[in-house]
Amino acid sequence: MEKKELVETIARKINISSDEALSMVNEVVAEMVSPSIFGKPGEEVGFINDNNCRNNCKEALALREQGLQR
């Protein structure tokens, strides 16, 4: 199911506007992905595919995730 179709179905089923349903869907998606974006306090978190990284700033994180370094 496409996102637009999902939003329209939710809006119709609970009798709200499509804009309200879209906001709800976006909040749920953000809540679901936030653990993979924001680490627990004290953990280093970053996007491995960060195109602005010019000095191997994510190399240590990548090695740690692969189990090559602690």
N, C-alpha and C. Protein backbone atom coordinates (compact mmCIF):
# COMPACT_ATOMS: atom_id res chain seq x y z
N MET A 1 0.84 -1.17 0.00
CA MET A 1 0.00 0.00 0.00
C MET A 1 0.89 1.24 0.00
N GLU A 2 0.59 2.17 -0.84
CA GLU A 2 1.34 3.43 -0.91
C GLU A 2 0.96 4.32 0.28
N LYS A 3 1.86 5.22 0.64
CA LYS A 3 1.62 6.09 1.78
C LYS A 3 0.36 6.91 1.59
N LYS A 4 0.17 7.45 0.40
CA LYS A 4 -1.01 8.28 0.14
C LYS A 4 -2.29 7.48 0.35
N GLU A 5 -2.30 6.25 -0.11
CA GLU A 5 -3.46 5.38 0.04
C GLU A 5 -3.68 5.07 1.53
N LEU A 6 -2.62 4.81 2.26
CA LEU A 6 -2.72 4.55 3.69
C LEU A 6 -3.31 5.75 4.42
N VAL A 7 -2.81 6.93 4.12
CA VAL A 7 -3.29 8.15 4.76
C VAL A 7 -4.78 8.36 4.47
N GLU A 8 -5.18 8.16 3.22
CA GLU A 8 -6.59 8.34 2.86
C GLU A 8 -7.48 7.31 3.56
N THR A 9 -7.00 6.08 3.69
CA THR A 9 -7.76 5.04 4.37
C THR A 9 -7.93 5.36 5.85
N ILE A 10 -6.85 5.80 6.49
CA ILE A 10 -6.92 6.18 7.91
C ILE A 10 -7.88 7.34 8.09
N ALA A 11 -7.75 8.35 7.25
CA ALA A 11 -8.61 9.53 7.35
C ALA A 11 -10.08 9.15 7.21
N ARG A 12 -10.37 8.29 6.29
CA ARG A 12 -11.75 7.87 6.04
C ARG A 12 -12.28 7.04 7.21
N LYS A 13 -11.47 6.12 7.72
CA LYS A 13 -11.93 5.21 8.79
C LYS A 13 -12.18 5.92 10.11
N ILE A 14 -11.37 6.92 10.43
CA ILE A 14 -11.57 7.60 11.72
C ILE A 14 -12.13 9.01 11.55
N ASN A 15 -12.56 9.31 10.34
CA ASN A 15 -13.27 10.56 10.04
C ASN A 15 -12.47 11.81 10.42
N ILE A 16 -11.24 11.89 9.90
CA ILE A 16 -10.42 13.08 10.07
C ILE A 16 -9.94 13.53 8.69
N SER A 17 -9.34 14.70 8.64
CA SER A 17 -8.84 15.20 7.35
C SER A 17 -7.59 14.42 6.94
N SER A 18 -7.30 14.42 5.66
CA SER A 18 -6.10 13.76 5.16
C SER A 18 -4.84 14.38 5.74
N ASP A 19 -4.87 15.69 5.96
CA ASP A 19 -3.70 16.36 6.55
C ASP A 19 -3.44 15.87 7.97
N GLU A 20 -4.50 15.68 8.75
CA GLU A 20 -4.33 15.17 10.11
C GLU A 20 -3.81 13.73 10.08
N ALA A 21 -4.34 12.92 9.18
CA ALA A 21 -3.90 11.54 9.07
C ALA A 21 -2.43 11.48 8.62
N LEU A 22 -2.05 12.34 7.69
CA LEU A 22 -0.66 12.38 7.23
C LEU A 22 0.27 12.73 8.38
N SER A 23 -0.13 13.68 9.20
CA SER A 23 0.67 14.07 10.36
C SER A 23 0.83 12.89 11.30
N MET A 24 -0.24 12.14 11.53
CA MET A 24 -0.19 10.98 12.41
C MET A 24 0.74 9.91 11.86
N VAL A 25 0.64 9.64 10.56
CA VAL A 25 1.49 8.62 9.93
C VAL A 25 2.96 9.04 10.02
N ASN A 26 3.23 10.31 9.75
CA ASN A 26 4.61 10.80 9.83
C ASN A 26 5.17 10.67 11.25
N GLU A 27 4.34 10.94 12.26
CA GLU A 27 4.79 10.82 13.65
C GLU A 27 5.09 9.37 14.00
N VAL A 28 4.26 8.45 13.53
CA VAL A 28 4.48 7.03 13.81
C VAL A 28 5.77 6.56 13.15
N VAL A 29 5.98 6.95 11.91
CA VAL A 29 7.20 6.56 11.20
C VAL A 29 8.43 7.12 11.92
N ALA A 30 8.37 8.38 12.32
CA ALA A 30 9.49 8.99 13.03
C ALA A 30 9.77 8.27 14.33
N GLU A 31 8.72 7.88 15.04
CA GLU A 31 8.88 7.15 16.31
C GLU A 31 9.51 5.79 16.08
N MET A 32 9.17 5.14 14.98
CA MET A 32 9.70 3.82 14.68
C MET A 32 11.17 3.85 14.31
N VAL A 33 11.59 4.87 13.58
CA VAL A 33 12.98 4.91 13.12
C VAL A 33 13.92 5.62 14.08
N SER A 34 13.38 6.34 15.05
CA SER A 34 14.25 7.12 15.94
C SER A 34 15.27 6.28 16.69
N PRO A 35 14.97 5.04 17.12
CA PRO A 35 16.02 4.27 17.81
C PRO A 35 17.24 3.99 16.92
N SER A 36 17.04 3.89 15.62
CA SER A 36 18.18 3.64 14.75
C SER A 36 18.93 4.92 14.39
N ILE A 37 18.34 6.06 14.69
CA ILE A 37 19.00 7.34 14.40
C ILE A 37 19.63 7.92 15.65
N PHE A 38 18.89 7.87 16.75
CA PHE A 38 19.36 8.45 18.00
C PHE A 38 19.74 7.33 18.96
N GLY A 39 20.98 7.30 19.36
CA GLY A 39 21.44 6.26 20.28
C GLY A 39 21.05 6.55 21.70
N LYS A 40 21.38 5.61 22.56
CA LYS A 40 21.17 5.80 23.99
C LYS A 40 22.20 6.80 24.49
N PRO A 41 21.94 7.46 25.59
CA PRO A 41 22.92 8.41 26.12
C PRO A 41 24.30 7.77 26.26
N GLY A 42 25.31 8.45 25.75
CA GLY A 42 26.67 7.96 25.83
C GLY A 42 27.14 7.21 24.60
N GLU A 43 26.22 6.85 23.70
CA GLU A 43 26.61 6.14 22.49
C GLU A 43 26.88 7.12 21.36
N GLU A 44 27.80 6.75 20.49
CA GLU A 44 28.07 7.54 19.29
C GLU A 44 27.09 7.10 18.22
N VAL A 45 26.46 8.06 17.56
CA VAL A 45 25.50 7.76 16.52
C VAL A 45 25.80 8.66 15.33
N GLY A 46 25.67 8.13 14.16
CA GLY A 46 25.83 8.93 12.96
C GLY A 46 25.42 8.13 11.76
N PHE A 47 25.23 8.79 10.67
CA PHE A 47 24.87 8.13 9.44
C PHE A 47 26.15 7.73 8.71
N ILE A 48 26.29 6.45 8.39
CA ILE A 48 27.47 5.98 7.70
C ILE A 48 27.54 6.60 6.30
N ASN A 49 26.40 6.87 5.70
CA ASN A 49 26.38 7.42 4.35
C ASN A 49 26.34 8.94 4.35
N ASP A 50 26.88 9.56 5.37
CA ASP A 50 26.92 11.02 5.47
C ASP A 50 27.87 11.57 4.39
N ASN A 51 27.31 12.25 3.42
CA ASN A 51 28.12 12.78 2.31
C ASN A 51 28.97 13.97 2.71
N ASN A 52 28.72 14.54 3.89
CA ASN A 52 29.50 15.70 4.32
C ASN A 52 30.75 15.29 5.09
N CYS A 53 30.95 14.03 5.30
CA CYS A 53 32.11 13.54 6.04
C CYS A 53 33.31 13.49 5.09
N ARG A 54 34.30 14.31 5.34
CA ARG A 54 35.46 14.39 4.46
C ARG A 54 36.74 13.88 5.13
N ASN A 55 36.67 13.50 6.42
CA ASN A 55 37.87 13.13 7.14
C ASN A 55 37.74 11.77 7.83
N ASN A 56 37.03 10.85 7.19
CA ASN A 56 36.81 9.51 7.74
C ASN A 56 36.19 9.54 9.13
N CYS A 57 35.34 10.52 9.38
CA CYS A 57 34.77 10.69 10.71
C CYS A 57 33.89 9.52 11.13
N LYS A 58 33.41 8.74 10.22
CA LYS A 58 32.56 7.60 10.57
C LYS A 58 33.32 6.27 10.50
N GLU A 59 34.61 6.30 10.23
CA GLU A 59 35.37 5.06 10.09
C GLU A 59 35.36 4.23 11.37
N ALA A 60 35.58 4.86 12.52
CA ALA A 60 35.59 4.13 13.78
C ALA A 60 34.23 3.51 14.07
N LEU A 61 33.17 4.24 13.79
CA LEU A 61 31.83 3.72 14.00
C LEU A 61 31.56 2.53 13.08
N ALA A 62 31.97 2.62 11.84
CA ALA A 62 31.76 1.53 10.88
C ALA A 62 32.53 0.28 11.32
N LEU A 63 33.75 0.45 11.76
CA LEU A 63 34.55 -0.69 12.22
C LEU A 63 33.91 -1.34 13.45
N ARG A 64 33.43 -0.51 14.36
CA ARG A 64 32.79 -1.02 15.58
C ARG A 64 31.53 -1.81 15.23
N GLU A 65 30.74 -1.31 14.29
CA GLU A 65 29.52 -2.01 13.90
C GLU A 65 29.82 -3.33 13.21
N GLN A 66 30.96 -3.43 12.55
CA GLN A 66 31.35 -4.67 11.89
C GLN A 66 32.05 -5.62 12.86
N GLY A 67 32.27 -5.17 14.09
CA GLY A 67 32.92 -5.99 15.10
C GLY A 67 34.42 -6.05 14.95
N LEU A 68 35.01 -5.12 14.22
CA LEU A 68 36.46 -5.12 14.00
C LEU A 68 37.21 -4.33 15.04
N GLN A 69 36.52 -3.49 15.80
CA GLN A 69 37.17 -2.64 16.78
C GLN A 69 36.19 -2.44 17.92
N ARG A 70 36.68 -2.28 19.11
CA ARG A 70 35.79 -2.03 20.26
C ARG A 70 35.93 -0.65 20.77
